[in-house]
Amino acid sequence: MTVAAATRFLDRYNARDFDGLAACFSPTDFHRIGPYGDHITSAAEYVAFLRDVVPTLGAAYRLVTERVFATDGHAVAEVTEEYEVDGTLRRTPEVIVFDVDADDRITRMHLYVQRVHDLPPAGGRAAMGRRD
């Protein structure tokens, strides 16, 4: 069932169905840690955040599902965030780790982002492998 919870979240997110998204989360036990170490500690707060932010990201913005896998109570979604910057489509790989309760509702989300458009702050290009 946890694959279904993650897939439902991604489908509702891309449809910009914020009421449907709200139904994906536990109403009493929710905590999201974002890619910048930011915390959102309630489902209502997270849905309000998404209602405010997602519409500002442009028509091309979406999360492309690469794969989703799960174990008891946990799911991992590998996604690619697509968005436009100055008319150019950019793709940023991400992973979302979900914890899911017995009702198949999301209780925890941890977001991890690959920084494919950046160079390492220490060492620059010399501190990384080949980038295709």
Protein backbone atom coordinates (compact mmCIF):
# COMPACT_ATOMS: atom_id res chain seq x y z
CA MET A 1 0.00 0.00 0.00
CA THR A 2 2.85 2.45 0.62
CA VAL A 3 3.69 2.60 -3.11
CA ALA A 4 0.08 3.67 -3.65
CA ALA A 5 0.43 6.46 -1.06
CA ALA A 6 3.54 7.87 -2.76
CA THR A 7 2.05 7.53 -6.24
CA ARG A 8 -1.19 9.17 -5.11
CA PHE A 9 0.83 12.10 -3.71
CA LEU A 10 2.77 12.53 -6.98
CA ASP A 11 -0.38 12.31 -9.11
CA ARG A 12 -2.26 14.87 -6.99
CA TYR A 13 0.83 17.13 -6.86
CA ASN A 14 1.19 17.23 -10.65
CA ALA A 15 -2.55 17.78 -11.08
CA ARG A 16 -2.28 20.69 -8.65
CA ASP A 17 -5.18 19.10 -6.80
CA PHE A 18 -4.54 20.60 -3.39
CA ASP A 19 -7.69 19.16 -1.80
CA GLY A 20 -6.64 15.74 -3.07
CA LEU A 21 -3.15 16.32 -1.67
CA ALA A 22 -4.60 17.11 1.74
CA ALA A 23 -6.22 13.66 1.76
CA CYS A 24 -2.78 12.06 1.21
CA PHE A 25 -1.47 13.25 4.60
CA SER A 26 -2.20 12.24 8.15
CA PRO A 27 -4.24 15.12 9.60
CA THR A 28 -2.78 14.59 13.08
CA ASP A 29 0.80 13.40 12.56
CA PHE A 30 2.76 15.04 9.74
CA HIS A 31 6.29 16.42 9.41
CA ARG A 32 8.14 17.41 6.23
CA ILE A 33 11.84 18.22 6.05
CA GLY A 34 12.67 20.04 2.83
CA PRO A 35 15.84 20.13 0.76
CA TYR A 36 17.09 23.22 2.60
CA GLY A 37 16.61 21.73 6.06
CA ASP A 38 13.30 23.57 6.40
CA HIS A 39 10.54 22.01 8.50
CA ILE A 40 6.77 22.02 8.03
CA THR A 41 5.05 20.36 10.96
CA SER A 42 1.42 19.92 9.93
CA ALA A 43 -0.45 18.68 6.88
CA ALA A 44 -2.56 21.85 6.80
CA GLU A 45 0.57 24.02 6.82
CA TYR A 46 2.13 21.97 4.01
CA VAL A 47 -0.97 22.12 1.81
CA ALA A 48 -1.17 25.90 2.37
CA PHE A 49 2.52 26.17 1.44
CA LEU A 50 1.96 24.18 -1.78
CA ARG A 51 -1.15 26.24 -2.67
CA ASP A 52 1.00 29.39 -2.43
CA VAL A 53 4.19 28.17 -4.10
CA VAL A 54 3.34 25.63 -6.82
CA PRO A 55 1.22 28.01 -8.98
CA THR A 56 4.16 30.45 -9.10
CA LEU A 57 6.51 27.87 -10.61
CA GLY A 58 5.08 28.08 -14.13
CA ALA A 59 3.05 25.87 -16.43
CA ALA A 60 5.97 23.54 -17.23
CA TYR A 61 6.63 22.73 -13.57
CA ARG A 62 6.11 19.08 -12.60
CA LEU A 63 7.62 16.07 -10.90
CA VAL A 64 8.39 13.25 -13.33
CA THR A 65 8.26 9.88 -11.57
CA GLU A 66 11.31 7.76 -12.35
CA ARG A 67 10.53 4.95 -9.88
CA VAL A 68 8.80 4.27 -6.58
CA PHE A 69 9.58 1.41 -4.23
CA ALA A 70 8.48 0.54 -0.72
CA THR A 71 8.88 -1.57 2.39
CA ASP A 72 6.51 -1.82 5.34
CA GLY A 73 5.50 1.71 6.26
CA HIS A 74 8.03 3.46 4.01
CA ALA A 75 8.23 4.46 0.35
CA VAL A 76 10.91 6.15 -1.74
CA ALA A 77 10.16 8.06 -4.93
CA GLU A 78 12.93 9.00 -7.32
CA VAL A 79 11.63 11.96 -9.31
CA THR A 80 12.92 14.60 -11.68
CA GLU A 81 11.70 18.11 -11.06
CA GLU A 82 11.13 19.93 -14.35
CA TYR A 83 10.86 23.71 -14.48
CA GLU A 84 11.77 26.60 -16.76
CA VAL A 85 14.48 29.16 -16.12
CA ASP A 86 14.69 31.99 -18.65
CA GLY A 87 12.78 29.90 -21.20
CA THR A 88 15.02 26.83 -20.82
CA LEU A 89 13.64 23.60 -19.34
CA ARG A 90 15.77 22.40 -16.43
CA ARG A 91 15.70 18.98 -14.82
CA THR A 92 16.73 18.40 -11.22
CA PRO A 93 16.87 14.84 -9.81
CA GLU A 94 15.29 14.40 -6.39
CA VAL A 95 14.35 11.69 -3.93
CA ILE A 96 11.41 11.86 -1.56
CA VAL A 97 11.35 9.47 1.40
CA PHE A 98 7.86 8.86 2.79
CA ASP A 99 6.72 7.30 6.06
CA VAL A 100 3.16 6.03 5.83
CA ASP A 101 0.72 5.09 8.60
CA ALA A 102 -1.66 2.12 8.83
CA ASP A 103 -4.35 4.15 7.00
CA ASP A 104 -1.95 4.62 4.04
CA ARG A 105 -1.53 8.32 4.79
CA ILE A 106 1.81 10.10 4.69
CA THR A 107 3.19 11.06 8.10
CA ARG A 108 6.78 12.02 7.18
CA MET A 109 8.47 13.37 4.08
CA HIS A 110 12.20 13.99 3.64
CA LEU A 111 13.29 15.62 0.37
CA TYR A 112 16.78 15.22 -1.12
CA VAL A 113 17.98 17.12 -4.20
CA GLN A 114 20.98 16.51 -6.47
CA ARG A 115 22.70 19.81 -7.14
CA VAL A 116 23.35 19.21 -10.84
CA HIS A 117 23.43 22.91 -11.66
CA ASP A 118 26.04 23.79 -9.01
CA LEU A 119 29.71 23.22 -8.36
CA PRO A 120 31.01 21.98 -5.00
CA PRO A 121 31.82 24.92 -2.71
CA ALA A 122 35.13 23.30 -1.73
CA GLY A 123 37.30 22.28 -4.66
CA GLY A 124 34.98 23.28 -7.52
CA ARG A 125 35.10 21.08 -10.62
CA ALA A 126 38.23 19.29 -9.35
CA ALA A 127 36.20 17.89 -6.44
CA MET A 128 33.70 16.03 -8.63
CA GLY A 129 33.55 13.28 -11.25
CA ARG A 130 32.45 13.73 -14.84
CA ARG A 131 29.19 15.53 -15.47
CA ASP A 132 27.40 14.56 -18.68
